[in-house]
Structure formats: structure tokens, C-alpha cells
Amino acid sequence: MKNNQITAFQFGILVFLFSVGTSILITPSLLAKGAQQSAWVPALLGISGGFALVLLYNLIGSKMGSLTFFEYCEKVLGRWLGRCIVLLYTFFAFITASILLWIQGNFLMTQIYTETPAAFLQGLFAITVLIAINFGIQAVARSSEIFIPWVLLLLSFMIFTLIPQYEGKKLLPLLDFNWTPTISASLSYISVVSSPLVLLLTIFPNVKDLKGAKRGMWLGNLLGGIVLLTISLMTVSILGADLTQNQTFPTYIVAKKINIGAFLTRIEVVLAFIWIITIFYKTHLYYYAAIEGFSHAFKIKNIKSLSTPLTFLLGALSINIYPNTPYMMEWNVKTWIPFSLTFGLAFPLLLLVVGLFRKQK
């Protein structure tokens, strides 16, 4: 553990990159489907709900002490129930890591490398994640300090260069939405951006300063929320609500509209670079949690002995995790929300309540 300690600042960066991850491309579409031109409303509701979840995770993190998240699960819930919860979290992390590989391959194949098989792109990405796993969480956290300035700089560049394209009238009428689909859209936001942060409790003990770790989770999630709110407003104000909700990657479509003096055009690769960097860290953290879960459940001390065979399994699963893009979009709306909230809300609440009950008893 001492050899893999990271600073609170590095942890905050990882939280930010994890929060943005896939969300920067798909969240505007999910929000526009719920609230049309008022997509900023479910975004604000989602940010508020995310704060509540971060509070819950910080409470659990402060009670873990020197224990890992999975050790704490067994301590609070008992050996058998705790072990079942650990295996379920491992399943959740592993399945979602394979989903991220599929999304990454699908995006690159359809938007950039149109003649390259998605399986090859997914395999290449899986190998990159494997290398990061073998280097350890400390090396990955240090690398995030190198990439974060570029991510923020390129994000700012994209947002400001698109200002001439903004049309405020596309955000009108204000507050004209139905509550039911808006609440559903806010739950989509929470399930994608905030709920999976529970898996970052697996690296909570690696952070040198507990108070700094809690602050890093707050600030990382808040900054990620501000970025996604800004991107959603930008996307709807440029494309309009109808086009935004009907696109799989609406933010990438918007990035294609960058035009400065008729000579700086078609630089949407800027957004692609941001997305590849952020989804790499998100995939790595999901896979890291899965590896930790496997090693804890089966009492394997050397995770490197697990990482290589599981990476092959991860890559193979990612190829057929979704049959096509429409299926993915429908699954995100109907299945992902309860799936994610089960692990991001229900199980953490169970841990907190049982932990408090045992302490009083």
C-alpha cells in the first residue's frame, strides 16, 4: 500500500477524469431526450444528486480506516454476505469496463478510423489498460497530472472557438419541460457521472490524506459536473434539442463546426483526444476495481498474475457486449440506470446503515 500511495490532488484529478469520461460525448443526448431545450435542468438536478452520493461515499471512506473497500464490505456485512457483495461489485466493474471498450471502439470506427475493425481498436485499448494496471495506481495517478492541463486547455479552446456558433434562441422557451422525463434524464446523468464513483473507494486507502481525499472527490465531481453542464448547453444551443437527442455522439458533431477564419477547420480531433484520454482513465479505474475485487475474493496477492488473463477475457467480452448502437442507446435508458444505482446507491446505503447499527449495538 505504501508503494502505491497517491496525493489528494492526484485523486481529485482521477475523480474529474472519471466523471467526464464517456459522459462528455453521450450526456448531452441523454439530457436532451428528457428535457429538450432545457437540458440544463436535469444537469443541475444530476449535479445536486451527485453531491448527495459523494457525501455518502465520503462517509463510507472515513469509516474504512486502513481497510480496503472490499475488506470493509466483509467486516460490516459478514463473511458470506460481504463476499457476495464483493463479487457483485467485481462483476459490475468488469462488465462496465468491457462496455467502455465497446463504446471506444465503436466511436473510433464510426467517426475516425472507418476502415479499421472495431475489435482491433478495442484490443489495442485493452492492452494499453493492461500496461497501466501493471505499472500500478501510483504511476497512473502521476500521469494524470501530465494530461490534465492539456485536457482543460483543449476543452477551453473548443468551448471558446465555438462561441460564434451559439444560438440562444435554441434554448427557448426556458423551463418548458415535463417533470417525469426530466427526472429520468437527471437519473441518467447520476448513473453515468456520479454513481460509478463508488468504485473509487477502492483507491481511497491509497490517498495519503483522508481529508484531502474527501475534498478531492467533492471538487473532482463538481468540476466534472460544471464541464458537462457547459458542454450540454453548448451542444443544444448549436445543434438544437431535436438534433442533439437523435445523435449518438452530439458533442463530436458540434466540434466539427469549429471554423476560425475559414482556415482553422475540421479540428474535431481535439475533442477526440480529450475523450480518448478521459475514457482511458475511466476504463482503467473500472478495471482496477475489478482486479482488486477478484484478488480479494479469491485471496490472490499478486494482481499481475490476474491482469493478463482477465484482459484477454475483457477484450473478448467487449466485442459482443452490445449487438449494435441502437441496442446500446436503449440499454442505457432502460437498464443502465437501475443497474448503476444498485451499486452506487442501494449497496452503499446498506453498508452505511448496517455499519451504524453494528456500532450502536
Foldseek 3Di string as FASTA:
>chain_A
DQVFFDALQLLLLLLQLLQQAPCLFALLLLLLVQFFLQSLVLLVVLLVVLVVLLVLLLVVLVVQPLHFPLVLLCVLVNPPVSLVLLVLLLVVLLLVLLQLLLVLLVCCCVPPVVPDHSLVSSLVLLVVLLVVVVVHNNVVSVVSVVCVVLLVVLLVVLLVLCVVLFAPCLSPPHPPGDDPSSNLSSLLSNLRRRLVCSLVSRCCSSYPDSVSNSVSNSNSSNVSSVSSSSSSNSLCRRVHSVVSNPDRGSSLVSSQPRQDPNPPGRVSVSVVVSNVVSNSSNSSSSVSSSLVSVCVSVVPDDSSVVSVVSSVVSSVCSVVVDPDDVRVVVCSSPPSSVSSCCRRPVVSVVSVVSNVVVVVD
